[in-house]
Amino acid sequence: MENTELEELFIGDQEARLNNGADVDWSELEKEDQTRRERVLELLQNQEIKTAKDYYHAAMIFQHGTRVADSRLAYSLAWISVTLDPLDDKARWLSAAAWDRMMMKQEQPQWYGTQFTRKNETRNWELYDMAKDAVTDEEREAMNVPPLSEAMEQLKQNNS
């Protein structure tokens, strides 16, 4: 049975990010995110995170952390979710996205192509630096990530 408190924390995390960040008080959101991460750590320490869905919810909360350690934990939790339920498309995608964000926070090229940034001058979205040969499009597909060509097409549409 899934942890209902963790599901509520996850819902709060997601609702705080509706509208792609429009009208979000980012300093207040960071405080709320920190509180959620602290509670997730308590749930982990108390062994109250058990199911694939629990690990997915915990991973998503840590995916929105600010530190490399948050991204590392997001990746680890997402991978546990994938291990428990290999058919969960969302968990596979989150595992790839958490890996990419961890690489980005370490100022390394991402592998899967899930992370986008904005340049301050243009405000256009850009794909964060890629290690283009790190994984193939087939490996991206296995992680429920679109091929790079689709990501680039979506990027063009978002910026037009």
N, C-alpha and C. Protein backbone atom coordinates (compact mmCIF):
# COMPACT_ATOMS: atom_id res chain seq x y z
N MET A 1 0.84 -1.18 0.00
CA MET A 1 0.00 0.00 0.00
C MET A 1 0.89 1.25 0.00
N GLU A 2 0.51 2.21 -0.85
CA GLU A 2 1.29 3.44 -0.96
C GLU A 2 1.15 4.32 0.27
N ASN A 3 2.18 5.12 0.50
CA ASN A 3 2.21 6.06 1.61
C ASN A 3 1.39 7.29 1.22
N THR A 4 0.25 7.49 1.88
CA THR A 4 -0.64 8.59 1.51
C THR A 4 -0.05 9.95 1.84
N GLU A 5 0.70 10.05 2.93
CA GLU A 5 1.35 11.32 3.25
C GLU A 5 2.34 11.70 2.15
N LEU A 6 3.11 10.74 1.71
CA LEU A 6 4.08 11.00 0.64
C LEU A 6 3.36 11.41 -0.65
N GLU A 7 2.24 10.77 -0.95
CA GLU A 7 1.47 11.16 -2.13
C GLU A 7 1.00 12.61 -2.01
N GLU A 8 0.58 13.02 -0.81
CA GLU A 8 0.16 14.41 -0.60
C GLU A 8 1.33 15.37 -0.78
N LEU A 9 2.50 14.99 -0.30
CA LEU A 9 3.70 15.82 -0.50
C LEU A 9 4.00 15.97 -1.99
N PHE A 10 3.87 14.88 -2.72
CA PHE A 10 4.09 14.87 -4.17
C PHE A 10 3.09 15.79 -4.87
N ILE A 11 1.82 15.68 -4.50
CA ILE A 11 0.78 16.53 -5.11
C ILE A 11 1.09 18.00 -4.84
N GLY A 12 1.50 18.33 -3.62
CA GLY A 12 1.87 19.70 -3.30
C GLY A 12 3.04 20.18 -4.13
N ASP A 13 4.02 19.31 -4.33
CA ASP A 13 5.19 19.62 -5.16
C ASP A 13 4.75 19.93 -6.58
N GLN A 14 3.87 19.13 -7.13
CA GLN A 14 3.43 19.31 -8.51
C GLN A 14 2.53 20.54 -8.67
N GLU A 15 1.61 20.72 -7.74
CA GLU A 15 0.70 21.87 -7.84
C GLU A 15 1.44 23.20 -7.75
N ALA A 16 2.53 23.22 -7.00
CA ALA A 16 3.32 24.45 -6.86
C ALA A 16 3.97 24.86 -8.16
N ARG A 17 4.03 23.95 -9.12
CA ARG A 17 4.73 24.21 -10.38
C ARG A 17 3.78 24.32 -11.57
N LEU A 18 2.51 24.41 -11.34
CA LEU A 18 1.56 24.55 -12.44
C LEU A 18 1.83 25.85 -13.19
N ASN A 19 1.42 25.90 -14.43
CA ASN A 19 1.60 27.07 -15.30
C ASN A 19 3.06 27.35 -15.62
N ASN A 20 3.91 26.32 -15.59
CA ASN A 20 5.33 26.47 -15.95
C ASN A 20 6.02 27.59 -15.19
N GLY A 21 5.64 27.78 -13.94
CA GLY A 21 6.34 28.76 -13.12
C GLY A 21 5.81 30.17 -13.20
N ALA A 22 4.74 30.40 -13.96
CA ALA A 22 4.18 31.75 -14.03
C ALA A 22 3.65 32.14 -12.65
N ASP A 23 3.97 33.35 -12.23
CA ASP A 23 3.50 33.90 -10.96
C ASP A 23 3.93 33.06 -9.74
N VAL A 24 5.06 32.40 -9.82
CA VAL A 24 5.57 31.62 -8.69
C VAL A 24 6.56 32.48 -7.91
N ASP A 25 6.40 32.51 -6.60
CA ASP A 25 7.38 33.15 -5.73
C ASP A 25 8.45 32.10 -5.46
N TRP A 26 9.54 32.16 -6.21
CA TRP A 26 10.55 31.10 -6.20
C TRP A 26 11.24 30.98 -4.84
N SER A 27 11.42 32.07 -4.12
CA SER A 27 12.06 31.96 -2.79
C SER A 27 11.13 31.25 -1.81
N GLU A 28 9.84 31.52 -1.90
CA GLU A 28 8.87 30.82 -1.05
C GLU A 28 8.76 29.35 -1.46
N LEU A 29 8.77 29.09 -2.75
CA LEU A 29 8.70 27.71 -3.23
C LEU A 29 9.91 26.91 -2.75
N GLU A 30 11.09 27.51 -2.75
CA GLU A 30 12.28 26.80 -2.28
C GLU A 30 12.14 26.41 -0.80
N LYS A 31 11.55 27.28 0.00
CA LYS A 31 11.31 26.95 1.42
C LYS A 31 10.35 25.76 1.54
N GLU A 32 9.27 25.82 0.74
CA GLU A 32 8.30 24.71 0.76
C GLU A 32 8.95 23.42 0.29
N ASP A 33 9.75 23.51 -0.77
CA ASP A 33 10.45 22.32 -1.29
C ASP A 33 11.38 21.74 -0.23
N GLN A 34 12.10 22.60 0.48
CA GLN A 34 13.02 22.13 1.52
C GLN A 34 12.26 21.39 2.61
N THR A 35 11.12 21.93 3.01
CA THR A 35 10.29 21.27 4.02
C THR A 35 9.84 19.90 3.53
N ARG A 36 9.43 19.83 2.27
CA ARG A 36 9.01 18.52 1.72
C ARG A 36 10.18 17.54 1.70
N ARG A 37 11.37 18.00 1.28
CA ARG A 37 12.53 17.10 1.24
C ARG A 37 12.89 16.60 2.64
N GLU A 38 12.82 17.48 3.61
CA GLU A 38 13.12 17.06 5.00
C GLU A 38 12.15 15.99 5.46
N ARG A 39 10.88 16.16 5.13
CA ARG A 39 9.89 15.16 5.54
C ARG A 39 10.12 13.83 4.81
N VAL A 40 10.47 13.89 3.54
CA VAL A 40 10.75 12.66 2.79
C VAL A 40 11.93 11.93 3.42
N LEU A 41 12.95 12.67 3.83
CA LEU A 41 14.10 12.03 4.50
C LEU A 41 13.66 11.33 5.78
N GLU A 42 12.75 11.94 6.53
CA GLU A 42 12.24 11.30 7.75
C GLU A 42 11.49 10.02 7.40
N LEU A 43 10.68 10.08 6.34
CA LEU A 43 9.94 8.88 5.92
C LEU A 43 10.90 7.78 5.49
N LEU A 44 11.97 8.15 4.80
CA LEU A 44 12.98 7.16 4.40
C LEU A 44 13.64 6.55 5.63
N GLN A 45 14.03 7.40 6.57
CA GLN A 45 14.70 6.91 7.79
C GLN A 45 13.80 5.99 8.60
N ASN A 46 12.50 6.26 8.57
CA ASN A 46 11.54 5.44 9.31
C ASN A 46 11.02 4.25 8.49
N GLN A 47 11.62 4.03 7.33
CA GLN A 47 11.27 2.93 6.45
C GLN A 47 9.79 2.93 6.07
N GLU A 48 9.26 4.13 5.81
CA GLU A 48 7.87 4.28 5.44
C GLU A 48 7.69 4.48 3.94
N ILE A 49 8.75 4.33 3.18
CA ILE A 49 8.70 4.39 1.73
C ILE A 49 8.99 2.98 1.24
N LYS A 50 7.98 2.36 0.59
CA LYS A 50 8.11 0.93 0.30
C LYS A 50 7.78 0.53 -1.13
N THR A 51 6.84 1.20 -1.74
CA THR A 51 6.37 0.77 -3.05
C THR A 51 7.07 1.54 -4.18
N ALA A 52 6.93 1.04 -5.38
CA ALA A 52 7.49 1.73 -6.55
C ALA A 52 6.94 3.14 -6.64
N LYS A 53 5.64 3.30 -6.41
CA LYS A 53 5.01 4.63 -6.48
C LYS A 53 5.56 5.54 -5.39
N ASP A 54 5.78 5.00 -4.19
CA ASP A 54 6.39 5.80 -3.11
C ASP A 54 7.76 6.31 -3.54
N TYR A 55 8.58 5.44 -4.08
CA TYR A 55 9.93 5.84 -4.49
C TYR A 55 9.86 6.87 -5.62
N TYR A 56 8.89 6.72 -6.52
CA TYR A 56 8.70 7.70 -7.58
C TYR A 56 8.34 9.07 -6.99
N HIS A 57 7.39 9.09 -6.07
CA HIS A 57 6.98 10.35 -5.46
C HIS A 57 8.16 11.01 -4.74
N ALA A 58 8.90 10.23 -3.99
CA ALA A 58 10.06 10.77 -3.26
C ALA A 58 11.10 11.31 -4.25
N ALA A 59 11.32 10.58 -5.34
CA ALA A 59 12.30 11.00 -6.34
C ALA A 59 11.90 12.33 -6.97
N MET A 60 10.63 12.49 -7.29
CA MET A 60 10.19 13.74 -7.91
C MET A 60 10.38 14.92 -6.96
N ILE A 61 10.12 14.71 -5.69
CA ILE A 61 10.32 15.79 -4.72
C ILE A 61 11.79 16.18 -4.67
N PHE A 62 12.68 15.21 -4.69
CA PHE A 62 14.11 15.53 -4.67
C PHE A 62 14.60 16.04 -6.02
N GLN A 63 13.91 15.71 -7.10
CA GLN A 63 14.28 16.23 -8.42
C GLN A 63 14.24 17.75 -8.43
N HIS A 64 13.41 18.34 -7.59
CA HIS A 64 13.28 19.79 -7.54
C HIS A 64 14.20 20.43 -6.51
N GLY A 65 15.15 19.66 -6.00
CA GLY A 65 16.12 20.21 -5.06
C GLY A 65 17.15 21.08 -5.75
N THR A 66 17.91 21.79 -4.96
CA THR A 66 18.88 22.75 -5.51
C THR A 66 20.31 22.23 -5.50
N ARG A 67 20.58 21.18 -4.76
CA ARG A 67 21.96 20.71 -4.59
C ARG A 67 22.22 19.46 -5.43
N VAL A 68 23.48 19.22 -5.70
CA VAL A 68 23.87 17.99 -6.40
C VAL A 68 23.39 16.78 -5.60
N ALA A 69 23.52 16.84 -4.29
CA ALA A 69 23.09 15.72 -3.44
C ALA A 69 21.60 15.44 -3.61
N ASP A 70 20.80 16.48 -3.81
CA ASP A 70 19.36 16.28 -4.05
C ASP A 70 19.14 15.52 -5.35
N SER A 71 19.88 15.91 -6.38
CA SER A 71 19.75 15.24 -7.68
C SER A 71 20.23 13.80 -7.60
N ARG A 72 21.30 13.56 -6.86
CA ARG A 72 21.81 12.19 -6.68
C ARG A 72 20.75 11.32 -6.03
N LEU A 73 20.13 11.87 -4.99
CA LEU A 73 19.11 11.09 -4.29
C LEU A 73 17.88 10.90 -5.19
N ALA A 74 17.52 11.92 -5.94
CA ALA A 74 16.39 11.78 -6.89
C ALA A 74 16.67 10.64 -7.85
N TYR A 75 17.88 10.60 -8.39
CA TYR A 75 18.23 9.53 -9.32
C TYR A 75 18.15 8.16 -8.64
N SER A 76 18.70 8.06 -7.46
CA SER A 76 18.70 6.77 -6.74
C SER A 76 17.27 6.31 -6.44
N LEU A 77 16.44 7.22 -5.97
CA LEU A 77 15.06 6.87 -5.66
C LEU A 77 14.28 6.49 -6.91
N ALA A 78 14.50 7.23 -7.99
CA ALA A 78 13.82 6.91 -9.25
C ALA A 78 14.26 5.53 -9.75
N TRP A 79 15.54 5.24 -9.62
CA TRP A 79 16.03 3.95 -10.10
C TRP A 79 15.45 2.80 -9.27
N ILE A 80 15.27 3.01 -7.96
CA ILE A 80 14.63 1.99 -7.13
C ILE A 80 13.20 1.79 -7.62
N SER A 81 12.50 2.87 -7.94
CA SER A 81 11.14 2.77 -8.46
C SER A 81 11.11 1.95 -9.75
N VAL A 82 12.05 2.22 -10.64
CA VAL A 82 12.14 1.47 -11.91
C VAL A 82 12.43 0.00 -11.63
N THR A 83 13.29 -0.27 -10.69
CA THR A 83 13.64 -1.65 -10.34
C THR A 83 12.41 -2.39 -9.82
N LEU A 84 11.60 -1.71 -9.01
CA LEU A 84 10.40 -2.34 -8.46
C LEU A 84 9.28 -2.47 -9.49
N ASP A 85 9.23 -1.53 -10.45
CA ASP A 85 8.20 -1.57 -11.49
C ASP A 85 8.81 -1.13 -12.82
N PRO A 86 9.47 -2.06 -13.52
CA PRO A 86 10.16 -1.71 -14.76
C PRO A 86 9.25 -1.19 -15.87
N LEU A 87 7.95 -1.40 -15.76
CA LEU A 87 7.03 -0.96 -16.81
C LEU A 87 6.49 0.45 -16.58
N ASP A 88 6.87 1.09 -15.49
CA ASP A 88 6.37 2.43 -15.18
C ASP A 88 7.12 3.46 -16.03
N ASP A 89 6.44 3.96 -17.07
CA ASP A 89 7.05 4.93 -17.98
C ASP A 89 7.50 6.19 -17.27
N LYS A 90 6.69 6.68 -16.34
CA LYS A 90 7.03 7.91 -15.63
C LYS A 90 8.30 7.74 -14.80
N ALA A 91 8.44 6.61 -14.15
CA ALA A 91 9.62 6.37 -13.32
C ALA A 91 10.87 6.24 -14.19
N ARG A 92 10.73 5.59 -15.34
CA ARG A 92 11.89 5.47 -16.23
C ARG A 92 12.31 6.84 -16.74
N TRP A 93 11.33 7.67 -17.13
CA TRP A 93 11.66 9.02 -17.58
C TRP A 93 12.32 9.81 -16.45
N LEU A 94 11.76 9.73 -15.25
CA LEU A 94 12.31 10.48 -14.12
C LEU A 94 13.73 10.04 -13.80
N SER A 95 14.01 8.76 -13.94
CA SER A 95 15.37 8.28 -13.71
C SER A 95 16.34 8.96 -14.68
N ALA A 96 15.96 9.03 -15.95
CA ALA A 96 16.81 9.68 -16.96
C ALA A 96 16.93 11.18 -16.67
N ALA A 97 15.81 11.81 -16.33
CA ALA A 97 15.82 13.25 -16.06
C ALA A 97 16.65 13.58 -14.83
N ALA A 98 16.56 12.74 -13.80
CA ALA A 98 17.35 12.97 -12.59
C ALA A 98 18.84 12.80 -12.88
N TRP A 99 19.17 11.82 -13.73
CA TRP A 99 20.57 11.66 -14.13
C TRP A 99 21.07 12.91 -14.86
N ASP A 100 20.27 13.38 -15.82
CA ASP A 100 20.65 14.57 -16.57
C ASP A 100 20.80 15.79 -15.66
N ARG A 101 19.87 15.96 -14.73
CA ARG A 101 19.95 17.12 -13.84
C ARG A 101 21.16 17.02 -12.93
N MET A 102 21.47 15.81 -12.47
CA MET A 102 22.67 15.61 -11.65
C MET A 102 23.91 15.99 -12.44
N MET A 103 23.96 15.57 -13.69
CA MET A 103 25.11 15.93 -14.53
C MET A 103 25.17 17.45 -14.73
N MET A 104 24.03 18.07 -14.97
CA MET A 104 23.98 19.50 -15.18
C MET A 104 24.47 20.25 -13.94
N LYS A 105 24.04 19.82 -12.77
CA LYS A 105 24.44 20.49 -11.53
C LYS A 105 25.93 20.32 -11.25
N GLN A 106 26.51 19.30 -11.86
CA GLN A 106 27.96 19.11 -11.73
C GLN A 106 28.71 19.75 -12.90
N GLU A 107 27.96 20.54 -13.70
CA GLU A 107 28.51 21.23 -14.87
C GLU A 107 29.13 20.26 -15.87
N GLN A 108 28.44 19.12 -16.02
CA GLN A 108 28.81 18.10 -17.00
C GLN A 108 27.71 18.00 -18.04
N PRO A 109 28.01 17.56 -19.25
CA PRO A 109 26.96 17.39 -20.26
C PRO A 109 25.94 16.33 -19.84
N GLN A 110 24.70 16.59 -20.16
CA GLN A 110 23.66 15.60 -19.90
C GLN A 110 23.72 14.48 -20.93
N TRP A 111 23.06 13.36 -20.65
CA TRP A 111 23.10 12.21 -21.54
C TRP A 111 21.82 12.05 -22.36
N TYR A 112 20.67 12.22 -21.70
CA TYR A 112 19.40 11.85 -22.33
C TYR A 112 18.73 13.00 -23.07
N GLY A 113 19.02 14.23 -22.71
CA GLY A 113 18.40 15.38 -23.36
C GLY A 113 17.09 15.79 -22.74
N THR A 114 16.99 15.69 -21.42
CA THR A 114 15.76 16.07 -20.72
C THR A 114 15.81 17.46 -20.12
N GLN A 115 16.99 18.07 -20.07
CA GLN A 115 17.14 19.33 -19.36
C GLN A 115 17.32 20.50 -20.32
N PHE A 116 16.50 21.52 -20.10
CA PHE A 116 16.53 22.73 -20.92
C PHE A 116 16.82 23.92 -20.03
N THR A 117 17.46 24.92 -20.59
CA THR A 117 17.78 26.14 -19.86
C THR A 117 17.37 27.34 -20.71
N ARG A 118 17.33 28.49 -20.09
CA ARG A 118 17.02 29.73 -20.80
C ARG A 118 18.20 30.67 -20.69
N LYS A 119 18.53 31.29 -21.81
CA LYS A 119 19.54 32.33 -21.80
C LYS A 119 18.87 33.63 -21.39
N ASN A 120 19.52 34.35 -20.52
CA ASN A 120 18.92 35.59 -20.03
C ASN A 120 18.70 36.62 -21.13
N GLU A 121 19.61 36.69 -22.10
CA GLU A 121 19.49 37.71 -23.14
C GLU A 121 18.29 37.48 -24.04
N THR A 122 18.05 36.27 -24.44
CA THR A 122 17.01 35.98 -25.43
C THR A 122 15.74 35.44 -24.80
N ARG A 123 15.84 34.85 -23.63
CA ARG A 123 14.73 34.17 -22.96
C ARG A 123 14.23 32.97 -23.74
N ASN A 124 14.98 32.56 -24.77
CA ASN A 124 14.64 31.35 -25.51
C ASN A 124 15.16 30.13 -24.77
N TRP A 125 14.41 29.05 -24.86
CA TRP A 125 14.85 27.79 -24.28
C TRP A 125 15.94 27.18 -25.14
N GLU A 126 16.89 26.52 -24.48
CA GLU A 126 17.96 25.78 -25.16
C GLU A 126 18.13 24.44 -24.49
N LEU A 127 18.52 23.46 -25.25
CA LEU A 127 18.87 22.17 -24.68
C LEU A 127 20.20 22.33 -23.96
N TYR A 128 20.24 21.92 -22.70
CA TYR A 128 21.50 21.99 -21.95
C TYR A 128 22.54 21.13 -22.67
N ASP A 129 23.81 21.46 -22.53
CA ASP A 129 24.90 20.73 -23.20
C ASP A 129 24.68 19.22 -23.14
N MET A 130 24.98 18.58 -24.26
CA MET A 130 24.77 17.14 -24.40
C MET A 130 26.08 16.39 -24.61
N ALA A 131 26.17 15.23 -24.02
CA ALA A 131 27.18 14.24 -24.39
C ALA A 131 26.46 13.34 -25.39
N LYS A 132 26.45 13.77 -26.64
CA LYS A 132 25.56 13.18 -27.65
C LYS A 132 25.77 11.68 -27.87
N ASP A 133 26.94 11.18 -27.62
CA ASP A 133 27.20 9.76 -27.83
C ASP A 133 27.11 8.93 -26.55
N ALA A 134 26.69 9.54 -25.45
CA ALA A 134 26.62 8.82 -24.17
C ALA A 134 25.55 7.73 -24.21
N VAL A 135 24.41 8.03 -24.81
CA VAL A 135 23.34 7.04 -24.97
C VAL A 135 22.76 7.19 -26.37
N THR A 136 22.17 6.13 -26.86
CA THR A 136 21.55 6.13 -28.19
C THR A 136 20.07 6.49 -28.07
N ASP A 137 19.45 6.76 -29.20
CA ASP A 137 18.01 7.00 -29.19
C ASP A 137 17.25 5.76 -28.73
N GLU A 138 17.78 4.58 -29.00
CA GLU A 138 17.15 3.34 -28.52
C GLU A 138 17.20 3.29 -26.98
N GLU A 139 18.32 3.72 -26.42
CA GLU A 139 18.43 3.75 -24.95
C GLU A 139 17.51 4.84 -24.38
N ARG A 140 17.38 5.95 -25.09
CA ARG A 140 16.43 6.98 -24.66
C ARG A 140 15.01 6.39 -24.65
N GLU A 141 14.67 5.71 -25.71
CA GLU A 141 13.34 5.11 -25.80
C GLU A 141 13.10 4.15 -24.64
N ALA A 142 14.09 3.37 -24.29
CA ALA A 142 13.95 2.43 -23.18
C ALA A 142 13.67 3.15 -21.86
N MET A 143 14.10 4.42 -21.78
CA MET A 143 13.88 5.22 -20.58
C MET A 143 12.68 6.17 -20.74
N ASN A 144 11.89 5.96 -21.78
CA ASN A 144 10.71 6.78 -22.06
C ASN A 144 11.07 8.24 -22.34
N VAL A 145 12.21 8.45 -22.97
CA VAL A 145 12.67 9.78 -23.37
C VAL A 145 12.62 9.83 -24.90
N PRO A 146 12.09 10.90 -25.46
CA PRO A 146 12.01 10.97 -26.93
C PRO A 146 13.40 11.08 -27.55
N PRO A 147 13.52 10.71 -28.82
CA PRO A 147 14.81 10.88 -29.51
C PRO A 147 15.18 12.37 -29.54
N LEU A 148 16.46 12.62 -29.70
CA LEU A 148 16.93 14.01 -29.71
C LEU A 148 16.26 14.83 -30.81
N SER A 149 15.98 14.22 -31.95
CA SER A 149 15.33 14.97 -33.02
C SER A 149 13.97 15.50 -32.58
N GLU A 150 13.21 14.71 -31.83
CA GLU A 150 11.91 15.17 -31.31
C GLU A 150 12.09 16.26 -30.26
N ALA A 151 13.09 16.11 -29.41
CA ALA A 151 13.35 17.13 -28.40
C ALA A 151 13.70 18.45 -29.06
N MET A 152 14.48 18.41 -30.13
CA MET A 152 14.86 19.63 -30.83
C MET A 152 13.65 20.26 -31.54
N GLU A 153 12.78 19.44 -32.08
CA GLU A 153 11.57 19.96 -32.72
C GLU A 153 10.65 20.62 -31.69
N GLN A 154 10.50 19.98 -30.53
CA GLN A 154 9.69 20.56 -29.45
C GLN A 154 10.29 21.88 -28.99
N LEU A 155 11.60 21.93 -28.93
CA LEU A 155 12.30 23.15 -28.53
C LEU A 155 11.98 24.29 -29.50
N LYS A 156 12.02 24.00 -30.78
CA LYS A 156 11.69 25.03 -31.79
C LYS A 156 10.26 25.53 -31.61
N GLN A 157 9.33 24.60 -31.37
CA GLN A 157 7.93 24.99 -31.19
C GLN A 157 7.77 25.85 -29.94
N ASN A 158 8.47 25.50 -28.86
CA ASN A 158 8.36 26.26 -27.62
C ASN A 158 8.90 27.68 -27.77
N ASN A 159 9.86 27.85 -28.65
CA ASN A 159 10.48 29.17 -28.82
C ASN A 159 9.84 30.00 -29.92
N SER A 160 8.88 29.43 -30.64
CA SER A 160 8.27 30.22 -31.74
C SER A 160 7.05 30.98 -31.28
